Amino acid sequence: VYAPASWSGTEVLCVGTDGSGQPVPHTL
């Protein structure tokens, strides 16, 4: 995870990848 976390009011939301450095899907 590189991007800052966010708060929805009930959940912490993070977006990241598998860290391979290759084009891959992002996961929330």
PDB file of all heavy atoms in Angstrom:
ATOM      1  N   VAL A   1       0.848  -1.192   0.000  1.00  0.00           N
ATOM      2  CA  VAL A   1       0.000   0.000   0.000  1.00  0.00           C
ATOM      3  C   VAL A   1       0.882   1.241   0.000  1.00  0.00           C
ATOM      4  O   VAL A   1       1.790   1.371   0.820  1.00  0.00           O
ATOM      5  CB  VAL A   1      -0.933   0.014   1.230  1.00  0.00           C
ATOM      6  CG1 VAL A   1      -1.748   1.300   1.262  1.00  0.00           C
ATOM      7  CG2 VAL A   1      -1.846  -1.195   1.213  1.00  0.00           C
ATOM      8  N   TYR A   2       0.634   2.149  -0.940  1.00  0.00           N
ATOM      9  CA  TYR A   2       1.312   3.437  -0.969  1.00  0.00           C
ATOM     10  C   TYR A   2       0.364   4.582  -0.605  1.00  0.00           C
ATOM     11  O   TYR A   2       0.757   5.546   0.031  1.00  0.00           O
ATOM     12  CB  TYR A   2       1.869   3.715  -2.370  1.00  0.00           C
ATOM     13  CG  TYR A   2       3.098   2.937  -2.729  1.00  0.00           C
ATOM     14  CD1 TYR A   2       3.294   2.469  -4.023  1.00  0.00           C
ATOM     15  CD2 TYR A   2       4.077   2.675  -1.786  1.00  0.00           C
ATOM     16  CE1 TYR A   2       4.438   1.765  -4.369  1.00  0.00           C
ATOM     17  CE2 TYR A   2       5.222   1.974  -2.118  1.00  0.00           C
ATOM     18  CZ  TYR A   2       5.404   1.520  -3.421  1.00  0.00           C
ATOM     19  OH  TYR A   2       6.532   0.826  -3.759  1.00  0.00           O
ATOM     20  N   ALA A   3      -0.875   4.512  -1.062  1.00  0.00           N
ATOM     21  CA  ALA A   3      -1.805   5.629  -0.931  1.00  0.00           C
ATOM     22  C   ALA A   3      -2.299   5.763   0.511  1.00  0.00           C
ATOM     23  O   ALA A   3      -2.375   4.780   1.251  1.00  0.00           O
ATOM     24  CB  ALA A   3      -2.987   5.438  -1.878  1.00  0.00           C
ATOM     25  N   PRO A   4      -2.657   6.971   0.932  1.00  0.00           N
ATOM     26  CA  PRO A   4      -3.194   7.160   2.281  1.00  0.00           C
ATOM     27  C   PRO A   4      -4.472   6.359   2.506  1.00  0.00           C
ATOM     28  O   PRO A   4      -5.228   6.072   1.566  1.00  0.00           O
ATOM     29  CB  PRO A   4      -3.480   8.661   2.335  1.00  0.00           C
ATOM     30  CG  PRO A   4      -2.592   9.258   1.295  1.00  0.00           C
ATOM     31  CD  PRO A   4      -2.503   8.236   0.207  1.00  0.00           C
ATOM     32  N   ALA A   5      -4.714   5.990   3.764  1.00  0.00           N
ATOM     33  CA  ALA A   5      -5.952   5.314   4.127  1.00  0.00           C
ATOM     34  C   ALA A   5      -7.099   6.320   4.173  1.00  0.00           C
ATOM     35  O   ALA A   5      -6.888   7.531   4.291  1.00  0.00           O
ATOM     36  CB  ALA A   5      -5.790   4.636   5.483  1.00  0.00           C
ATOM     37  N   SER A   6      -8.320   5.812   4.077  1.00  0.00           N
ATOM     38  CA  SER A   6      -9.520   6.642   4.171  1.00  0.00           C
ATOM     39  C   SER A   6     -10.466   6.022   5.193  1.00  0.00           C
ATOM     40  O   SER A   6     -10.431   4.817   5.442  1.00  0.00           O
ATOM     41  CB  SER A   6     -10.223   6.751   2.811  1.00  0.00           C
ATOM     42  OG  SER A   6      -9.398   7.367   1.852  1.00  0.00           O
ATOM     43  N   TRP A   7     -11.343   6.864   5.754  1.00  0.00           N
ATOM     44  CA  TRP A   7     -12.333   6.411   6.732  1.00  0.00           C
ATOM     45  C   TRP A   7     -13.713   6.663   6.177  1.00  0.00           C
ATOM     46  O   TRP A   7     -14.047   7.795   5.811  1.00  0.00           O
ATOM     47  CB  TRP A   7     -12.140   7.135   8.053  1.00  0.00           C
ATOM     48  CG  TRP A   7     -13.167   6.856   9.110  1.00  0.00           C
ATOM     49  CD1 TRP A   7     -14.037   7.748   9.663  1.00  0.00           C
ATOM     50  CD2 TRP A   7     -13.424   5.601   9.749  1.00  0.00           C
ATOM     51  NE1 TRP A   7     -14.816   7.136  10.610  1.00  0.00           N
ATOM     52  CE2 TRP A   7     -14.463   5.802  10.691  1.00  0.00           C
ATOM     53  CE3 TRP A   7     -12.875   4.316   9.623  1.00  0.00           C
ATOM     54  CZ2 TRP A   7     -14.957   4.778  11.494  1.00  0.00           C
ATOM     55  CZ3 TRP A   7     -13.368   3.293  10.432  1.00  0.00           C
ATOM     56  CH2 TRP A   7     -14.389   3.527  11.350  1.00  0.00           C
ATOM     57  N   SER A   8     -14.529   5.607   6.115  1.00  0.00           N
ATOM     58  CA  SER A   8     -15.864   5.716   5.520  1.00  0.00           C
ATOM     59  C   SER A   8     -16.927   6.114   6.529  1.00  0.00           C
ATOM     60  O   SER A   8     -18.062   6.405   6.147  1.00  0.00           O
ATOM     61  CB  SER A   8     -16.258   4.376   4.886  1.00  0.00           C
ATOM     62  OG  SER A   8     -16.566   3.422   5.889  1.00  0.00           O
ATOM     63  N   GLY A   9     -16.584   6.110   7.802  1.00  0.00           N
ATOM     64  CA  GLY A   9     -17.567   6.292   8.869  1.00  0.00           C
ATOM     65  C   GLY A   9     -17.756   5.019   9.645  1.00  0.00           C
ATOM     66  O   GLY A   9     -18.125   5.048  10.824  1.00  0.00           O
ATOM     67  N   THR A  10     -17.479   3.867   9.008  1.00  0.00           N
ATOM     68  CA  THR A  10     -17.562   2.572   9.687  1.00  0.00           C
ATOM     69  C   THR A  10     -16.360   1.682   9.391  1.00  0.00           C
ATOM     70  O   THR A  10     -16.075   0.749  10.146  1.00  0.00           O
ATOM     71  CB  THR A  10     -18.833   1.799   9.263  1.00  0.00           C
ATOM     72  OG1 THR A  10     -18.844   1.643   7.833  1.00  0.00           O
ATOM     73  CG2 THR A  10     -20.092   2.545   9.690  1.00  0.00           C
ATOM     74  N   GLU A  11     -15.644   1.949   8.294  1.00  0.00           N
ATOM     75  CA  GLU A  11     -14.536   1.090   7.892  1.00  0.00           C
ATOM     76  C   GLU A  11     -13.322   1.913   7.461  1.00  0.00           C
ATOM     77  O   GLU A  11     -13.469   3.018   6.918  1.00  0.00           O
ATOM     78  CB  GLU A  11     -14.933   0.181   6.716  1.00  0.00           C
ATOM     79  CG  GLU A  11     -15.992  -0.848   7.046  1.00  0.00           C
ATOM     80  CD  GLU A  11     -16.414  -1.602   5.792  1.00  0.00           C
ATOM     81  OE1 GLU A  11     -16.803  -0.944   4.803  1.00  0.00           O
ATOM     82  OE2 GLU A  11     -16.351  -2.846   5.805  1.00  0.00           O
ATOM     83  N   VAL A  12     -12.143   1.356   7.691  1.00  0.00           N
ATOM     84  CA  VAL A  12     -10.906   1.883   7.123  1.00  0.00           C
ATOM     85  C   VAL A  12     -10.745   1.284   5.729  1.00  0.00           C
ATOM     86  O   VAL A  12     -10.872   0.068   5.550  1.00  0.00           O
ATOM     87  CB  VAL A  12      -9.693   1.507   7.998  1.00  0.00           C
ATOM     88  CG1 VAL A  12      -8.400   2.017   7.373  1.00  0.00           C
ATOM     89  CG2 VAL A  12      -9.867   2.048   9.406  1.00  0.00           C
ATOM     90  N   LEU A  13     -10.487   2.140   4.734  1.00  0.00           N
ATOM     91  CA  LEU A  13     -10.366   1.689   3.347  1.00  0.00           C
ATOM     92  C   LEU A  13      -8.935   1.916   2.867  1.00  0.00           C
ATOM     93  O   LEU A  13      -8.399   3.021   2.988  1.00  0.00           O
ATOM     94  CB  LEU A  13     -11.332   2.454   2.441  1.00  0.00           C
ATOM     95  CG  LEU A  13     -12.813   2.438   2.845  1.00  0.00           C
ATOM     96  CD1 LEU A  13     -13.636   3.287   1.877  1.00  0.00           C
ATOM     97  CD2 LEU A  13     -13.342   1.006   2.892  1.00  0.00           C
ATOM     98  N   CYS A  14      -8.312   0.862   2.324  1.00  0.00           N
ATOM     99  CA  CYS A  14      -6.975   0.942   1.749  1.00  0.00           C
ATOM    100  C   CYS A  14      -7.001   0.308   0.361  1.00  0.00           C
ATOM    101  O   CYS A  14      -7.773  -0.627   0.110  1.00  0.00           O
ATOM    102  CB  CYS A  14      -5.950   0.207   2.614  1.00  0.00           C
ATOM    103  SG  CYS A  14      -5.698   0.922   4.248  1.00  0.00           S
ATOM    104  N   VAL A  15      -6.154   0.807  -0.524  1.00  0.00           N
ATOM    105  CA  VAL A  15      -6.049   0.253  -1.876  1.00  0.00           C
ATOM    106  C   VAL A  15      -4.580  -0.060  -2.140  1.00  0.00           C
ATOM    107  O   VAL A  15      -3.702   0.778  -1.909  1.00  0.00           O
ATOM    108  CB  VAL A  15      -6.580   1.234  -2.939  1.00  0.00           C
ATOM    109  CG1 VAL A  15      -6.352   0.694  -4.340  1.00  0.00           C
ATOM    110  CG2 VAL A  15      -8.071   1.495  -2.714  1.00  0.00           C
ATOM    111  N   GLY A  16      -4.302  -1.283  -2.628  1.00  0.00           N
ATOM    112  CA  GLY A  16      -2.927  -1.684  -2.888  1.00  0.00           C
ATOM    113  C   GLY A  16      -2.852  -2.797  -3.905  1.00  0.00           C
ATOM    114  O   GLY A  16      -3.850  -3.176  -4.540  1.00  0.00           O
ATOM    115  N   THR A  17      -1.634  -3.338  -4.075  1.00  0.00           N
ATOM    116  CA  THR A  17      -1.377  -4.404  -5.051  1.00  0.00           C
ATOM    117  C   THR A  17      -0.617  -5.533  -4.372  1.00  0.00           C
ATOM    118  O   THR A  17      -0.337  -5.498  -3.172  1.00  0.00           O
ATOM    119  CB  THR A  17      -0.553  -3.880  -6.241  1.00  0.00           C
ATOM    120  OG1 THR A  17       0.777  -3.567  -5.779  1.00  0.00           O
ATOM    121  CG2 THR A  17      -1.172  -2.625  -6.839  1.00  0.00           C
ATOM    122  N   ASP A  18      -0.226  -6.526  -5.195  1.00  0.00           N
ATOM    123  CA  ASP A  18       0.539  -7.643  -4.645  1.00  0.00           C
ATOM    124  C   ASP A  18       2.023  -7.329  -4.486  1.00  0.00           C
ATOM    125  O   ASP A  18       2.792  -8.144  -3.991  1.00  0.00           O
ATOM    126  CB  ASP A  18       0.365  -8.898  -5.516  1.00  0.00           C
ATOM    127  CG  ASP A  18       0.922  -8.718  -6.930  1.00  0.00           C
ATOM    128  OD1 ASP A  18       1.524  -7.667  -7.214  1.00  0.00           O
ATOM    129  OD2 ASP A  18       0.742  -9.637  -7.751  1.00  0.00           O
ATOM    130  N   GLY A  19       2.450  -6.132  -4.934  1.00  0.00           N
ATOM    131  CA  GLY A  19       3.829  -5.729  -4.742  1.00  0.00           C
ATOM    132  C   GLY A  19       4.809  -6.295  -5.741  1.00  0.00           C
ATOM    133  O   GLY A  19       6.020  -6.156  -5.567  1.00  0.00           O
ATOM    134  N   SER A  20       4.322  -6.896  -6.820  1.00  0.00           N
ATOM    135  CA  SER A  20       5.219  -7.505  -7.806  1.00  0.00           C
ATOM    136  C   SER A  20       5.928  -6.474  -8.674  1.00  0.00           C
ATOM    137  O   SER A  20       6.930  -6.777  -9.311  1.00  0.00           O
ATOM    138  CB  SER A  20       4.433  -8.459  -8.701  1.00  0.00           C
ATOM    139  OG  SER A  20       3.496  -7.746  -9.499  1.00  0.00           O
ATOM    140  N   GLY A  21       5.389  -5.261  -8.745  1.00  0.00           N
ATOM    141  CA  GLY A  21       5.948  -4.245  -9.617  1.00  0.00           C
ATOM    142  C   GLY A  21       5.486  -4.350 -11.051  1.00  0.00           C
ATOM    143  O   GLY A  21       5.827  -3.514 -11.886  1.00  0.00           O
ATOM    144  N   GLN A  22       4.694  -5.353 -11.349  1.00  0.00           N
ATOM    145  CA  GLN A  22       4.164  -5.551 -12.691  1.00  0.00           C
ATOM    146  C   GLN A  22       2.746  -4.995 -12.772  1.00  0.00           C
ATOM    147  O   GLN A  22       2.084  -4.786 -11.756  1.00  0.00           O
ATOM    148  CB  GLN A  22       4.157  -7.046 -13.035  1.00  0.00           C
ATOM    149  CG  GLN A  22       5.525  -7.696 -12.947  1.00  0.00           C
ATOM    150  CD  GLN A  22       6.514  -7.057 -13.898  1.00  0.00           C
ATOM    151  OE1 GLN A  22       6.206  -6.843 -15.075  1.00  0.00           O
ATOM    152  NE2 GLN A  22       7.697  -6.742 -13.395  1.00  0.00           N
ATOM    153  N   PRO A  23       2.236  -4.741 -14.002  1.00  0.00           N
ATOM    154  CA  PRO A  23       0.831  -4.342 -14.125  1.00  0.00           C
ATOM    155  C   PRO A  23      -0.091  -5.422 -13.548  1.00  0.00           C
ATOM    156  O   PRO A  23      -0.100  -6.564 -14.022  1.00  0.00           O
ATOM    157  CB  PRO A  23       0.643  -4.187 -15.637  1.00  0.00           C
ATOM    158  CG  PRO A  23       2.024  -3.893 -16.159  1.00  0.00           C
ATOM    159  CD  PRO A  23       2.946  -4.703 -15.293  1.00  0.00           C
ATOM    160  N   VAL A  24      -0.806  -5.079 -12.516  1.00  0.00           N
ATOM    161  CA  VAL A  24      -1.654  -6.037 -11.807  1.00  0.00           C
ATOM    162  C   VAL A  24      -2.936  -5.323 -11.380  1.00  0.00           C
ATOM    163  O   VAL A  24      -3.006  -4.097 -11.394  1.00  0.00           O
ATOM    164  CB  VAL A  24      -0.949  -6.596 -10.544  1.00  0.00           C
ATOM    165  CG1 VAL A  24       0.222  -7.489 -10.928  1.00  0.00           C
ATOM    166  CG2 VAL A  24      -0.479  -5.462  -9.642  1.00  0.00           C
ATOM    167  N   PRO A  25      -3.954  -6.086 -10.992  1.00  0.00           N
ATOM    168  CA  PRO A  25      -5.165  -5.435 -10.478  1.00  0.00           C
ATOM    169  C   PRO A  25      -4.880  -4.750  -9.142  1.00  0.00           C
ATOM    170  O   PRO A  25      -4.045  -5.192  -8.362  1.00  0.00           O
ATOM    171  CB  PRO A  25      -6.145  -6.603 -10.288  1.00  0.00           C
ATOM    172  CG  PRO A  25      -5.577  -7.744 -11.055  1.00  0.00           C
ATOM    173  CD  PRO A  25      -4.095  -7.549 -11.058  1.00  0.00           C
ATOM    174  N   HIS A  26      -5.581  -3.650  -8.890  1.00  0.00           N
ATOM    175  CA  HIS A  26      -5.587  -3.051  -7.570  1.00  0.00           C
ATOM    176  C   HIS A  26      -6.725  -3.661  -6.753  1.00  0.00           C
ATOM    177  O   HIS A  26      -7.787  -3.990  -7.291  1.00  0.00           O
ATOM    178  CB  HIS A  26      -5.767  -1.533  -7.661  1.00  0.00           C
ATOM    179  CG  HIS A  26      -4.485  -0.783  -7.780  1.00  0.00           C
ATOM    180  ND1 HIS A  26      -3.770  -0.735  -8.947  1.00  0.00           N
ATOM    181  CD2 HIS A  26      -3.777  -0.065  -6.864  1.00  0.00           C
ATOM    182  CE1 HIS A  26      -2.677   0.000  -8.749  1.00  0.00           C
ATOM    183  NE2 HIS A  26      -2.659   0.418  -7.504  1.00  0.00           N
ATOM    184  N   THR A  27      -6.494  -3.794  -5.465  1.00  0.00           N
ATOM    185  CA  THR A  27      -7.483  -4.371  -4.566  1.00  0.00           C
ATOM    186  C   THR A  27      -7.824  -3.372  -3.475  1.00  0.00           C
ATOM    187  O   THR A  27      -6.925  -2.761  -2.876  1.00  0.00           O
ATOM    188  CB  THR A  27      -6.951  -5.665  -3.924  1.00  0.00           C
ATOM    189  OG1 THR A  27      -6.677  -6.630  -4.938  1.00  0.00           O
ATOM    190  CG2 THR A  27      -7.956  -6.237  -2.939  1.00  0.00           C
ATOM    191  N   LEU A  28      -9.105  -3.175  -3.227  1.00  0.00           N
ATOM    192  CA  LEU A  28      -9.563  -2.389  -2.095  1.00  0.00           C
ATOM    193  C   LEU A  28      -9.763  -3.328  -0.912  1.00  0.00           C
ATOM    194  O   LEU A  28     -10.375  -4.392  -1.044  1.00  0.00           O
ATOM    195  CB  LEU A  28     -10.854  -1.653  -2.425  1.00  0.00           C
ATOM    196  CG  LEU A  28     -11.443  -0.807  -1.287  1.00  0.00           C
ATOM    197  CD1 LEU A  28     -12.032   0.484  -1.836  1.00  0.00           C
ATOM    198  CD2 LEU A  28     -12.515  -1.565  -0.496  1.00  0.00           C
TER     199      LEU A  28
END
